[in-house]
Amino acid sequence: MLFAADVRGVAVADIVADEATRAASEPDREVSWLYAREVVDGVIDNLAVIDESITRHSRGWTLERMPAVDRAIVRVAVWEILFNDEIPPPVAMSEAVTLATELSTEESPGFINGLLSAISTE
């Protein structure tokens, strides 16, 4: 949802509303929808802190320069590291690097790994 809003240039709330409608018509998605909503709400509620942390630890990359998929991956991972006690930081980092490997540029996994390592040790 974060990625879709970023790429489309629309409010995250609009994407969330669309997904809520879709999820309501698919009861099997309830658990995954509730968790996705928790993550998206957590990122939105803490976006200033998350983006400041990313900016402080990024070397040579601004948020605007990052591919949109990397921004979404990193924001979710930083929320998990800083605000979600249910997910150990190494797990959040590993999942983010795996997603970057599958979805982004060749350089992204290494960049994201280094960035999240720095953030997780602050």
PDB file of N, CA and C in Angstrom:
ATOM      1  N   MET A   1       0.823  -1.182   0.000  1.00  0.00           N
ATOM      2  CA  MET A   1       0.000   0.000   0.000  1.00  0.00           C
ATOM      3  C   MET A   1       0.872   1.252   0.000  1.00  0.00           C
ATOM      4  N   LEU A   2       1.966   1.219   0.777  1.00  0.00           N
ATOM      5  CA  LEU A   2       2.874   2.363   0.792  1.00  0.00           C
ATOM      6  C   LEU A   2       3.481   2.582  -0.586  1.00  0.00           C
ATOM      7  N   PHE A   3       3.924   1.500  -1.206  1.00  0.00           N
ATOM      8  CA  PHE A   3       4.513   1.579  -2.539  1.00  0.00           C
ATOM      9  C   PHE A   3       3.486   2.078  -3.548  1.00  0.00           C
ATOM     10  N   ALA A   4       2.290   1.528  -3.515  1.00  0.00           N
ATOM     11  CA  ALA A   4       1.252   1.914  -4.471  1.00  0.00           C
ATOM     12  C   ALA A   4       0.925   3.400  -4.351  1.00  0.00           C
ATOM     13  N   ALA A   5       0.797   3.889  -3.138  1.00  0.00           N
ATOM     14  CA  ALA A   5       0.501   5.307  -2.940  1.00  0.00           C
ATOM     15  C   ALA A   5       1.639   6.177  -3.452  1.00  0.00           C
ATOM     16  N   ASP A   6       2.871   5.769  -3.169  1.00  0.00           N
ATOM     17  CA  ASP A   6       4.046   6.527  -3.601  1.00  0.00           C
ATOM     18  C   ASP A   6       4.113   6.601  -5.125  1.00  0.00           C
ATOM     19  N   VAL A   7       3.972   5.470  -5.783  1.00  0.00           N
ATOM     20  CA  VAL A   7       4.085   5.419  -7.241  1.00  0.00           C
ATOM     21  C   VAL A   7       2.927   6.145  -7.925  1.00  0.00           C
ATOM     22  N   ARG A   8       1.741   5.995  -7.378  1.00  0.00           N
ATOM     23  CA  ARG A   8       0.567   6.625  -7.998  1.00  0.00           C
ATOM     24  C   ARG A   8       0.430   8.099  -7.637  1.00  0.00           C
ATOM     25  N   GLY A   9       1.159   8.530  -6.601  1.00  0.00           N
ATOM     26  CA  GLY A   9       1.058   9.919  -6.171  1.00  0.00           C
ATOM     27  C   GLY A   9      -0.268  10.233  -5.508  1.00  0.00           C
ATOM     28  N   VAL A  10      -0.809   9.246  -4.796  1.00  0.00           N
ATOM     29  CA  VAL A  10      -2.078   9.440  -4.088  1.00  0.00           C
ATOM     30  C   VAL A  10      -1.857   9.245  -2.595  1.00  0.00           C
ATOM     31  N   ALA A  11      -2.835   9.643  -1.824  1.00  0.00           N
ATOM     32  CA  ALA A  11      -2.747   9.496  -0.373  1.00  0.00           C
ATOM     33  C   ALA A  11      -2.805   8.021   0.014  1.00  0.00           C
ATOM     34  N   VAL A  12      -2.019   7.660   1.007  1.00  0.00           N
ATOM     35  CA  VAL A  12      -2.030   6.283   1.501  1.00  0.00           C
ATOM     36  C   VAL A  12      -3.435   5.917   1.963  1.00  0.00           C
ATOM     37  N   ALA A  13      -4.141   6.880   2.549  1.00  0.00           N
ATOM     38  CA  ALA A  13      -5.501   6.617   3.035  1.00  0.00           C
ATOM     39  C   ALA A  13      -6.413   6.132   1.910  1.00  0.00           C
ATOM     40  N   ASP A  14      -6.225   6.648   0.708  1.00  0.00           N
ATOM     41  CA  ASP A  14      -7.044   6.203  -0.431  1.00  0.00           C
ATOM     42  C   ASP A  14      -6.761   4.743  -0.776  1.00  0.00           C
ATOM     43  N   ILE A  15      -5.497   4.370  -0.759  1.00  0.00           N
ATOM     44  CA  ILE A  15      -5.116   2.983  -1.044  1.00  0.00           C
ATOM     45  C   ILE A  15      -5.633   2.070   0.061  1.00  0.00           C
ATOM     46  N   VAL A  16      -5.514   2.514   1.308  1.00  0.00           N
ATOM     47  CA  VAL A  16      -5.999   1.720   2.444  1.00  0.00           C
ATOM     48  C   VAL A  16      -7.505   1.502   2.318  1.00  0.00           C
ATOM     49  N   ALA A  17      -8.242   2.538   1.955  1.00  0.00           N
ATOM     50  CA  ALA A  17      -9.696   2.406   1.799  1.00  0.00           C
ATOM     51  C   ALA A  17     -10.042   1.400   0.705  1.00  0.00           C
ATOM     52  N   ASP A  18      -9.328   1.460  -0.408  1.00  0.00           N
ATOM     53  CA  ASP A  18      -9.563   0.493  -1.490  1.00  0.00           C
ATOM     54  C   ASP A  18      -9.280  -0.933  -1.026  1.00  0.00           C
ATOM     55  N   GLU A  19      -8.183  -1.107  -0.322  1.00  0.00           N
ATOM     56  CA  GLU A  19      -7.817  -2.443   0.170  1.00  0.00           C
ATOM     57  C   GLU A  19      -8.797  -2.932   1.229  1.00  0.00           C
ATOM     58  N   ALA A  20      -9.303  -2.032   2.057  1.00  0.00           N
ATOM     59  CA  ALA A  20     -10.285  -2.420   3.074  1.00  0.00           C
ATOM     60  C   ALA A  20     -11.548  -2.952   2.412  1.00  0.00           C
ATOM     61  N   THR A  21     -11.974  -2.296   1.354  1.00  0.00           N
ATOM     62  CA  THR A  21     -13.150  -2.752   0.609  1.00  0.00           C
ATOM     63  C   THR A  21     -12.896  -4.128   0.010  1.00  0.00           C
ATOM     64  N   ARG A  22     -11.731  -4.286  -0.578  1.00  0.00           N
ATOM     65  CA  ARG A  22     -11.375  -5.572  -1.184  1.00  0.00           C
ATOM     66  C   ARG A  22     -11.296  -6.666  -0.112  1.00  0.00           C
ATOM     67  N   ALA A  23     -10.668  -6.356   1.012  1.00  0.00           N
ATOM     68  CA  ALA A  23     -10.512  -7.348   2.085  1.00  0.00           C
ATOM     69  C   ALA A  23     -11.859  -7.750   2.673  1.00  0.00           C
ATOM     70  N   ALA A  24     -12.786  -6.806   2.756  1.00  0.00           N
ATOM     71  CA  ALA A  24     -14.108  -7.114   3.301  1.00  0.00           C
ATOM     72  C   ALA A  24     -14.840  -8.137   2.445  1.00  0.00           C
ATOM     73  N   SER A  25     -14.545  -8.157   1.169  1.00  0.00           N
ATOM     74  CA  SER A  25     -15.209  -9.111   0.278  1.00  0.00           C
ATOM     75  C   SER A  25     -14.482 -10.456   0.214  1.00  0.00           C
ATOM     76  N   GLU A  26     -13.348 -10.546   0.908  1.00  0.00           N
ATOM     77  CA  GLU A  26     -12.561 -11.781   0.917  1.00  0.00           C
ATOM     78  C   GLU A  26     -12.234 -12.160   2.364  1.00  0.00           C
ATOM     79  N   PRO A  27     -13.150 -12.842   3.052  1.00  0.00           N
ATOM     80  CA  PRO A  27     -12.952 -13.158   4.468  1.00  0.00           C
ATOM     81  C   PRO A  27     -11.654 -13.915   4.776  1.00  0.00           C
ATOM     82  N   ASP A  28     -11.144 -14.671   3.829  1.00  0.00           N
ATOM     83  CA  ASP A  28      -9.897 -15.408   4.065  1.00  0.00           C
ATOM     84  C   ASP A  28      -8.701 -14.477   4.251  1.00  0.00           C
ATOM     85  N   ARG A  29      -8.844 -13.237   3.842  1.00  0.00           N
ATOM     86  CA  ARG A  29      -7.749 -12.263   3.946  1.00  0.00           C
ATOM     87  C   ARG A  29      -7.758 -11.494   5.258  1.00  0.00           C
ATOM     88  N   GLU A  30      -8.696 -11.774   6.146  1.00  0.00           N
ATOM     89  CA  GLU A  30      -8.861 -10.933   7.330  1.00  0.00           C
ATOM     90  C   GLU A  30      -7.585 -10.817   8.162  1.00  0.00           C
ATOM     91  N   VAL A  31      -6.944 -11.929   8.463  1.00  0.00           N
ATOM     92  CA  VAL A  31      -5.752 -11.893   9.314  1.00  0.00           C
ATOM     93  C   VAL A  31      -4.629 -11.120   8.639  1.00  0.00           C
ATOM     94  N   SER A  32      -4.370 -11.420   7.374  1.00  0.00           N
ATOM     95  CA  SER A  32      -3.289 -10.709   6.685  1.00  0.00           C
ATOM     96  C   SER A  32      -3.635  -9.232   6.502  1.00  0.00           C
ATOM     97  N   TRP A  33      -4.905  -8.933   6.267  1.00  0.00           N
ATOM     98  CA  TRP A  33      -5.328  -7.545   6.123  1.00  0.00           C
ATOM     99  C   TRP A  33      -5.114  -6.783   7.424  1.00  0.00           C
ATOM    100  N   LEU A  34      -5.494  -7.374   8.535  1.00  0.00           N
ATOM    101  CA  LEU A  34      -5.336  -6.686   9.820  1.00  0.00           C
ATOM    102  C   LEU A  34      -3.869  -6.400  10.116  1.00  0.00           C
ATOM    103  N   TYR A  35      -2.993  -7.347   9.799  1.00  0.00           N
ATOM    104  CA  TYR A  35      -1.566  -7.109  10.032  1.00  0.00           C
ATOM    105  C   TYR A  35      -1.033  -6.046   9.071  1.00  0.00           C
ATOM    106  N   ALA A  36      -1.422  -6.128   7.813  1.00  0.00           N
ATOM    107  CA  ALA A  36      -0.977  -5.115   6.843  1.00  0.00           C
ATOM    108  C   ALA A  36      -1.433  -3.728   7.276  1.00  0.00           C
ATOM    109  N   ARG A  37      -2.645  -3.648   7.770  1.00  0.00           N
ATOM    110  CA  ARG A  37      -3.177  -2.359   8.239  1.00  0.00           C
ATOM    111  C   ARG A  37      -2.385  -1.859   9.442  1.00  0.00           C
ATOM    112  N   GLU A  38      -2.033  -2.761  10.355  1.00  0.00           N
ATOM    113  CA  GLU A  38      -1.222  -2.380  11.513  1.00  0.00           C
ATOM    114  C   GLU A  38       0.122  -1.804  11.067  1.00  0.00           C
ATOM    115  N   VAL A  39       0.753  -2.455  10.115  1.00  0.00           N
ATOM    116  CA  VAL A  39       2.059  -2.000   9.617  1.00  0.00           C
ATOM    117  C   VAL A  39       1.926  -0.639   8.940  1.00  0.00           C
ATOM    118  N   VAL A  40       0.976  -0.510   8.031  1.00  0.00           N
ATOM    119  CA  VAL A  40       0.803   0.751   7.306  1.00  0.00           C
ATOM    120  C   VAL A  40       0.464   1.879   8.273  1.00  0.00           C
ATOM    121  N   ASP A  41      -0.456   1.630   9.193  1.00  0.00           N
ATOM    122  CA  ASP A  41      -0.794   2.656  10.185  1.00  0.00           C
ATOM    123  C   ASP A  41       0.422   3.019  11.030  1.00  0.00           C
ATOM    124  N   GLY A  42       1.213   2.014  11.400  1.00  0.00           N
ATOM    125  CA  GLY A  42       2.415   2.272  12.187  1.00  0.00           C
ATOM    126  C   GLY A  42       3.414   3.132  11.441  1.00  0.00           C
ATOM    127  N   VAL A  43       3.600   2.847  10.170  1.00  0.00           N
ATOM    128  CA  VAL A  43       4.518   3.661   9.357  1.00  0.00           C
ATOM    129  C   VAL A  43       3.983   5.085   9.235  1.00  0.00           C
ATOM    130  N   ILE A  44       2.704   5.226   8.941  1.00  0.00           N
ATOM    131  CA  ILE A  44       2.116   6.562   8.789  1.00  0.00           C
ATOM    132  C   ILE A  44       2.230   7.347  10.095  1.00  0.00           C
ATOM    133  N   ASP A  45       1.874   6.713  11.208  1.00  0.00           N
ATOM    134  CA  ASP A  45       1.894   7.399  12.505  1.00  0.00           C
ATOM    135  C   ASP A  45       3.296   7.815  12.932  1.00  0.00           C
ATOM    136  N   ASN A  46       4.307   7.109  12.468  1.00  0.00           N
ATOM    137  CA  ASN A  46       5.688   7.372  12.884  1.00  0.00           C
ATOM    138  C   ASN A  46       6.578   7.815  11.725  1.00  0.00           C
ATOM    139  N   LEU A  47       5.973   8.291  10.651  1.00  0.00           N
ATOM    140  CA  LEU A  47       6.725   8.585   9.433  1.00  0.00           C
ATOM    141  C   LEU A  47       7.847   9.599   9.648  1.00  0.00           C
ATOM    142  N   ALA A  48       7.605  10.628  10.435  1.00  0.00           N
ATOM    143  CA  ALA A  48       8.650  11.642  10.650  1.00  0.00           C
ATOM    144  C   ALA A  48       9.876  11.026  11.309  1.00  0.00           C
ATOM    145  N   VAL A  49       9.669  10.207  12.329  1.00  0.00           N
ATOM    146  CA  VAL A  49      10.786   9.558  13.029  1.00  0.00           C
ATOM    147  C   VAL A  49      11.476   8.558  12.104  1.00  0.00           C
ATOM    148  N   ILE A  50      10.687   7.789  11.380  1.00  0.00           N
ATOM    149  CA  ILE A  50      11.233   6.785  10.456  1.00  0.00           C
ATOM    150  C   ILE A  50      12.082   7.458   9.378  1.00  0.00           C
ATOM    151  N   ASP A  51      11.527   8.475   8.737  1.00  0.00           N
ATOM    152  CA  ASP A  51      12.261   9.148   7.664  1.00  0.00           C
ATOM    153  C   ASP A  51      13.502   9.859   8.185  1.00  0.00           C
ATOM    154  N   GLU A  52      13.430  10.415   9.375  1.00  0.00           N
ATOM    155  CA  GLU A  52      14.602  11.077   9.958  1.00  0.00           C
ATOM    156  C   GLU A  52      15.705  10.060  10.209  1.00  0.00           C
ATOM    157  N   SER A  53      15.335   8.897  10.704  1.00  0.00           N
ATOM    158  CA  SER A  53      16.316   7.843  10.957  1.00  0.00           C
ATOM    159  C   SER A  53      16.942   7.360   9.649  1.00  0.00           C
ATOM    160  N   ILE A  54      16.125   7.174   8.636  1.00  0.00           N
ATOM    161  CA  ILE A  54      16.633   6.753   7.327  1.00  0.00           C
ATOM    162  C   ILE A  54      17.586   7.812   6.774  1.00  0.00           C
ATOM    163  N   THR A  55      17.176   9.060   6.828  1.00  0.00           N
ATOM    164  CA  THR A  55      17.991  10.154   6.303  1.00  0.00           C
ATOM    165  C   THR A  55      19.320  10.260   7.047  1.00  0.00           C
ATOM    166  N   ARG A  56      19.278  10.125   8.360  1.00  0.00           N
ATOM    167  CA  ARG A  56      20.490  10.234   9.181  1.00  0.00           C
ATOM    168  C   ARG A  56      21.497   9.134   8.855  1.00  0.00           C
ATOM    169  N   HIS A  57      21.021   7.949   8.514  1.00  0.00           N
ATOM    170  CA  HIS A  57      21.919   6.815   8.291  1.00  0.00           C
ATOM    171  C   HIS A  57      22.203   6.510   6.820  1.00  0.00           C
ATOM    172  N   SER A  58      21.540   7.191   5.921  1.00  0.00           N
ATOM    173  CA  SER A  58      21.780   6.966   4.491  1.00  0.00           C
ATOM    174  C   SER A  58      23.060   7.679   4.085  1.00  0.00           C
ATOM    175  N   ARG A  59      23.866   6.996   3.353  1.00  0.00           N
ATOM    176  CA  ARG A  59      25.111   7.599   2.872  1.00  0.00           C
ATOM    177  C   ARG A  59      25.011   7.782   1.371  1.00  0.00           C
ATOM    178  N   GLY A  60      24.924   9.032   0.969  1.00  0.00           N
ATOM    179  CA  GLY A  60      24.876   9.328  -0.450  1.00  0.00           C
ATOM    180  C   GLY A  60      23.519   9.122  -1.101  1.00  0.00           C
ATOM    181  N   TRP A  61      22.509   8.812  -0.305  1.00  0.00           N
ATOM    182  CA  TRP A  61      21.170   8.598  -0.852  1.00  0.00           C
ATOM    183  C   TRP A  61      20.166   9.422  -0.056  1.00  0.00           C
ATOM    184  N   THR A  62      19.361  10.189  -0.742  1.00  0.00           N
ATOM    185  CA  THR A  62      18.236  10.849  -0.094  1.00  0.00           C
ATOM    186  C   THR A  62      17.020   9.951  -0.277  1.00  0.00           C
ATOM    187  N   LEU A  63      15.999  10.191   0.500  1.00  0.00           N
ATOM    188  CA  LEU A  63      14.763   9.418   0.323  1.00  0.00           C
ATOM    189  C   LEU A  63      14.230   9.568  -1.100  1.00  0.00           C
ATOM    190  N   GLU A  64      14.327  10.767  -1.628  1.00  0.00           N
ATOM    191  CA  GLU A  64      13.806  11.022  -2.967  1.00  0.00           C
ATOM    192  C   GLU A  64      14.601  10.275  -4.033  1.00  0.00           C
ATOM    193  N   ARG A  65      15.877  10.036  -3.779  1.00  0.00           N
ATOM    194  CA  ARG A  65      16.731   9.359  -4.759  1.00  0.00           C
ATOM    195  C   ARG A  65      16.513   7.841  -4.762  1.00  0.00           C
ATOM    196  N   MET A  66      16.049   7.309  -3.649  1.00  0.00           N
ATOM    197  CA  MET A  66      15.824   5.864  -3.557  1.00  0.00           C
ATOM    198  C   MET A  66      14.693   5.444  -4.490  1.00  0.00           C
ATOM    199  N   PRO A  67      14.801   4.269  -5.077  1.00  0.00           N
ATOM    200  CA  PRO A  67      13.650   3.743  -5.821  1.00  0.00           C
ATOM    201  C   PRO A  67      12.436   3.638  -4.887  1.00  0.00           C
ATOM    202  N   ALA A  68      11.255   3.859  -5.421  1.00  0.00           N
ATOM    203  CA  ALA A  68      10.033   3.834  -4.608  1.00  0.00           C
ATOM    204  C   ALA A  68       9.889   2.520  -3.849  1.00  0.00           C
ATOM    205  N   VAL A  69      10.244   1.418  -4.478  1.00  0.00           N
ATOM    206  CA  VAL A  69      10.125   0.126  -3.802  1.00  0.00           C
ATOM    207  C   VAL A  69      11.075   0.064  -2.605  1.00  0.00           C
ATOM    208  N   ASP A  70      12.271   0.636  -2.737  1.00  0.00           N
ATOM    209  CA  ASP A  70      13.208   0.664  -1.612  1.00  0.00           C
ATOM    210  C   ASP A  70      12.667   1.515  -0.472  1.00  0.00           C
ATOM    211  N   ARG A  71      12.075   2.668  -0.799  1.00  0.00           N
ATOM    212  CA  ARG A  71      11.491   3.523   0.247  1.00  0.00           C
ATOM    213  C   ARG A  71      10.451   2.748   1.040  1.00  0.00           C
ATOM    214  N   ALA A  72       9.580   2.044   0.337  1.00  0.00           N
ATOM    215  CA  ALA A  72       8.526   1.290   1.020  1.00  0.00           C
ATOM    216  C   ALA A  72       9.121   0.175   1.878  1.00  0.00           C
ATOM    217  N   ILE A  73      10.052  -0.571   1.319  1.00  0.00           N
ATOM    218  CA  ILE A  73      10.681  -1.672   2.060  1.00  0.00           C
ATOM    219  C   ILE A  73      11.384  -1.151   3.302  1.00  0.00           C
ATOM    220  N   VAL A  74      12.168  -0.095   3.143  1.00  0.00           N
ATOM    221  CA  VAL A  74      12.941   0.444   4.265  1.00  0.00           C
ATOM    222  C   VAL A  74      12.023   1.043   5.322  1.00  0.00           C
ATOM    223  N   ARG A  75      11.000   1.752   4.923  1.00  0.00           N
ATOM    224  CA  ARG A  75      10.085   2.341   5.918  1.00  0.00           C
ATOM    225  C   ARG A  75       9.412   1.255   6.754  1.00  0.00           C
ATOM    226  N   VAL A  76       8.972   0.195   6.120  1.00  0.00           N
ATOM    227  CA  VAL A  76       8.357  -0.902   6.876  1.00  0.00           C
ATOM    228  C   VAL A  76       9.378  -1.536   7.812  1.00  0.00           C
ATOM    229  N   ALA A  77      10.569  -1.807   7.312  1.00  0.00           N
ATOM    230  CA  ALA A  77      11.601  -2.441   8.142  1.00  0.00           C
ATOM    231  C   ALA A  77      11.998  -1.556   9.315  1.00  0.00           C
ATOM    232  N   VAL A  78      12.123  -0.257   9.085  1.00  0.00           N
ATOM    233  CA  VAL A  78      12.484   0.646  10.184  1.00  0.00           C
ATOM    234  C   VAL A  78      11.360   0.687  11.210  1.00  0.00           C
ATOM    235  N   TRP A  79      10.115   0.690  10.763  1.00  0.00           N
ATOM    236  CA  TRP A  79       9.005   0.634  11.721  1.00  0.00           C
ATOM    237  C   TRP A  79       9.097  -0.647  12.548  1.00  0.00           C
ATOM    238  N   GLU A  80       9.356  -1.770  11.891  1.00  0.00           N
ATOM    239  CA  GLU A  80       9.471  -3.038  12.618  1.00  0.00           C
ATOM    240  C   GLU A  80      10.627  -2.990  13.616  1.00  0.00           C
ATOM    241  N   ILE A  81      11.749  -2.425  13.225  1.00  0.00           N
ATOM    242  CA  ILE A  81      12.921  -2.363  14.106  1.00  0.00           C
ATOM    243  C   ILE A  81      12.680  -1.431  15.293  1.00  0.00           C
ATOM    244  N   LEU A  82      12.119  -0.254  15.037  1.00  0.00           N
ATOM    245  CA  LEU A  82      11.988   0.752  16.094  1.00  0.00           C
ATOM    246  C   LEU A  82      10.704   0.658  16.909  1.00  0.00           C
ATOM    247  N   PHE A  83       9.632   0.155  16.320  1.00  0.00           N
ATOM    248  CA  PHE A  83       8.328   0.263  16.971  1.00  0.00           C
ATOM    249  C   PHE A  83       7.577  -1.047  17.172  1.00  0.00           C
ATOM    250  N   ASN A  84       8.049  -2.149  16.622  1.00  0.00           N
ATOM    251  CA  ASN A  84       7.321  -3.412  16.736  1.00  0.00           C
ATOM    252  C   ASN A  84       8.172  -4.423  17.496  1.00  0.00           C
ATOM    253  N   ASP A  85       7.845  -4.615  18.758  1.00  0.00           N
ATOM    254  CA  ASP A  85       8.610  -5.535  19.603  1.00  0.00           C
ATOM    255  C   ASP A  85       8.379  -7.002  19.252  1.00  0.00           C
ATOM    256  N   GLU A  86       7.387  -7.295  18.423  1.00  0.00           N
ATOM    257  CA  GLU A  86       7.083  -8.683  18.077  1.00  0.00           C
ATOM    258  C   GLU A  86       8.036  -9.261  17.035  1.00  0.00           C
ATOM    259  N   ILE A  87       8.748  -8.402  16.333  1.00  0.00           N
ATOM    260  CA  ILE A  87       9.657  -8.865  15.281  1.00  0.00           C
ATOM    261  C   ILE A  87      11.082  -8.483  15.660  1.00  0.00           C
ATOM    262  N   PRO A  88      11.956  -9.470  15.841  1.00  0.00           N
ATOM    263  CA  PRO A  88      13.352  -9.152  16.159  1.00  0.00           C
ATOM    264  C   PRO A  88      13.997  -8.381  15.001  1.00  0.00           C
ATOM    265  N   PRO A  89      14.819  -7.385  15.302  1.00  0.00           N
ATOM    266  CA  PRO A  89      15.466  -6.612  14.234  1.00  0.00           C
ATOM    267  C   PRO A  89      16.164  -7.459  13.171  1.00  0.00           C
ATOM    268  N   PRO A  90      16.885  -8.531  13.537  1.00  0.00           N
ATOM    269  CA  PRO A  90      17.518  -9.323  12.471  1.00  0.00           C
ATOM    270  C   PRO A  90      16.508  -9.935  11.490  1.00  0.00           C
ATOM    271  N   VAL A  91      15.331 -10.275  11.981  1.00  0.00           N
ATOM    272  CA  VAL A  91      14.289 -10.828  11.104  1.00  0.00           C
ATOM    273  C   VAL A  91      13.767  -9.738  10.172  1.00  0.00           C
ATOM    274  N   ALA A  92      13.505  -8.554  10.718  1.00  0.00           N
ATOM    275  CA  ALA A  92      13.043  -7.435   9.889  1.00  0.00           C
ATOM    276  C   ALA A  92      14.069  -7.112   8.812  1.00  0.00           C
ATOM    277  N   MET A  93      15.337  -7.116   9.183  1.00  0.00           N
ATOM    278  CA  MET A  93      16.406  -6.820   8.230  1.00  0.00           C
ATOM    279  C   MET A  93      16.475  -7.887   7.141  1.00  0.00           C
ATOM    280  N   SER A  94      16.419  -9.143   7.539  1.00  0.00           N
ATOM    281  CA  SER A  94      16.498 -10.243   6.579  1.00  0.00           C
ATOM    282  C   SER A  94      15.337 -10.203   5.592  1.00  0.00           C
ATOM    283  N   GLU A  95      14.136  -9.955   6.099  1.00  0.00           N
ATOM    284  CA  GLU A  95      12.969  -9.884   5.224  1.00  0.00           C
ATOM    285  C   GLU A  95      13.092  -8.723   4.243  1.00  0.00           C
ATOM    286  N   ALA A  96      13.585  -7.590   4.721  1.00  0.00           N
ATOM    287  CA  ALA A  96      13.745  -6.423   3.852  1.00  0.00           C
ATOM    288  C   ALA A  96      14.763  -6.697   2.749  1.00  0.00           C
ATOM    289  N   VAL A  97      15.876  -7.306   3.108  1.00  0.00           N
ATOM    290  CA  VAL A  97      16.910  -7.614   2.114  1.00  0.00           C
ATOM    291  C   VAL A  97      16.377  -8.625   1.096  1.00  0.00           C
ATOM    292  N   THR A  98      15.629  -9.609   1.561  1.00  0.00           N
ATOM    293  CA  THR A  98      15.039 -10.590   0.647  1.00  0.00           C
ATOM    294  C   THR A  98      14.085  -9.917  -0.336  1.00  0.00           C
ATOM    295  N   LEU A  99      13.233  -9.040   0.177  1.00  0.00           N
ATOM    296  CA  LEU A  99      12.315  -8.316  -0.712  1.00  0.00           C
ATOM    297  C   LEU A  99      13.072  -7.461  -1.721  1.00  0.00           C
ATOM    298  N   ALA A 100      14.105  -6.775  -1.255  1.00  0.00           N
ATOM    299  CA  ALA A 100      14.898  -5.939  -2.164  1.00  0.00           C
ATOM    300  C   ALA A 100      15.571  -6.789  -3.237  1.00  0.00           C
ATOM    301  N   THR A 101      16.034  -7.959  -2.857  1.00  0.00           N
ATOM    302  CA  THR A 101      16.668  -8.863  -3.820  1.00  0.00           C
ATOM    303  C   THR A 101      15.675  -9.268  -4.909  1.00  0.00           C
ATOM    304  N   GLU A 102      14.437  -9.509  -4.513  1.00  0.00           N
ATOM    305  CA  GLU A 102      13.415  -9.956  -5.458  1.00  0.00           C
ATOM    306  C   GLU A 102      12.799  -8.825  -6.270  1.00  0.00           C
ATOM    307  N   LEU A 103      12.718  -7.630  -5.672  1.00  0.00           N
ATOM    308  CA  LEU A 103      11.905  -6.581  -6.279  1.00  0.00           C
ATOM    309  C   LEU A 103      12.647  -5.345  -6.766  1.00  0.00           C
ATOM    310  N   SER A 104      13.900  -5.173  -6.370  1.00  0.00           N
ATOM    311  CA  SER A 104      14.551  -3.903  -6.662  1.00  0.00           C
ATOM    312  C   SER A 104      15.834  -4.077  -7.465  1.00  0.00           C
ATOM    313  N   THR A 105      16.687  -3.083  -7.386  1.00  0.00           N
ATOM    314  CA  THR A 105      17.908  -3.058  -8.187  1.00  0.00           C
ATOM    315  C   THR A 105      18.974  -3.984  -7.610  1.00  0.00           C
ATOM    316  N   GLU A 106      20.002  -4.210  -8.372  1.00  0.00           N
ATOM    317  CA  GLU A 106      21.105  -5.067  -7.940  1.00  0.00           C
ATOM    318  C   GLU A 106      21.826  -4.493  -6.719  1.00  0.00           C
ATOM    319  N   GLU A 107      21.885  -3.173  -6.612  1.00  0.00           N
ATOM    320  CA  GLU A 107      22.576  -2.520  -5.504  1.00  0.00           C
ATOM    321  C   GLU A 107      21.725  -2.421  -4.242  1.00  0.00           C
ATOM    322  N   SER A 108      20.432  -2.526  -4.380  1.00  0.00           N
ATOM    323  CA  SER A 108      19.523  -2.270  -3.262  1.00  0.00           C
ATOM    324  C   SER A 108      19.701  -3.191  -2.061  1.00  0.00           C
ATOM    325  N   PRO A 109      19.853  -4.502  -2.221  1.00  0.00           N
ATOM    326  CA  PRO A 109      19.984  -5.355  -1.032  1.00  0.00           C
ATOM    327  C   PRO A 109      21.158  -4.956  -0.134  1.00  0.00           C
ATOM    328  N   GLY A 110      22.308  -4.678  -0.713  1.00  0.00           N
ATOM    329  CA  GLY A 110      23.463  -4.279   0.087  1.00  0.00           C
ATOM    330  C   GLY A 110      23.250  -2.946   0.769  1.00  0.00           C
ATOM    331  N   PHE A 111      22.675  -1.993   0.030  1.00  0.00           N
ATOM    332  CA  PHE A 111      22.391  -0.684   0.605  1.00  0.00           C
ATOM    333  C   PHE A 111      21.412  -0.811   1.766  1.00  0.00           C
ATOM    334  N   ILE A 112      20.333  -1.545   1.549  1.00  0.00           N
ATOM    335  CA  ILE A 112      19.307  -1.703   2.580  1.00  0.00           C
ATOM    336  C   ILE A 112      19.869  -2.440   3.787  1.00  0.00           C
ATOM    337  N   ASN A 113      20.666  -3.459   3.570  1.00  0.00           N
ATOM    338  CA  ASN A 113      21.274  -4.189   4.683  1.00  0.00           C
ATOM    339  C   ASN A 113      22.143  -3.259   5.530  1.00  0.00           C
ATOM    340  N   GLY A 114      22.998  -2.472   4.889  1.00  0.00           N
ATOM    341  CA  GLY A 114      23.858  -1.551   5.624  1.00  0.00           C
ATOM    342  C   GLY A 114      23.072  -0.486   6.357  1.00  0.00           C
ATOM    343  N   LEU A 115      22.069   0.057   5.702  1.00  0.00           N
ATOM    344  CA  LEU A 115      21.232   1.088   6.308  1.00  0.00           C
ATOM    345  C   LEU A 115      20.509   0.553   7.536  1.00  0.00           C
ATOM    346  N   LEU A 116      19.871  -0.603   7.398  1.00  0.00           N
ATOM    347  CA  LEU A 116      19.124  -1.171   8.519  1.00  0.00           C
ATOM    348  C   LEU A 116      20.050  -1.618   9.644  1.00  0.00           C
ATOM    349  N   SER A 117      21.232  -2.087   9.308  1.00  0.00           N
ATOM    350  CA  SER A 117      22.207  -2.451  10.348  1.00  0.00           C
ATOM    351  C   SER A 117      22.563  -1.233  11.182  1.00  0.00           C
ATOM    352  N   ALA A 118      22.807  -0.110  10.521  1.00  0.00           N
ATOM    353  CA  ALA A 118      23.140   1.121  11.240  1.00  0.00           C
ATOM    354  C   ALA A 118      21.973   1.577  12.111  1.00  0.00           C
ATOM    355  N   ILE A 119      20.769   1.514  11.583  1.00  0.00           N
ATOM    356  CA  ILE A 119      19.596   1.947  12.340  1.00  0.00           C
ATOM    357  C   ILE A 119      19.350   1.029  13.529  1.00  0.00           C
ATOM    358  N   SER A 120      19.539  -0.262  13.350  1.00  0.00           N
ATOM    359  CA  SER A 120      19.238  -1.209  14.436  1.00  0.00           C
ATOM    360  C   SER A 120      20.231  -1.121  15.589  1.00  0.00           C
ATOM    361  N   THR A 121      21.394  -0.528  15.348  1.00  0.00           N
ATOM    362  CA  THR A 121      22.392  -0.428  16.419  1.00  0.00           C
ATOM    363  C   THR A 121      22.445   0.953  17.058  1.00  0.00           C
ATOM    364  N   GLU A 122      21.558   1.861  16.649  1.00  0.00           N
ATOM    365  CA  GLU A 122      21.601   3.206  17.238  1.00  0.00           C
ATOM    366  C   GLU A 122      21.044   3.235  18.628  1.00  0.00           C
TER     367      GLU A 122
END
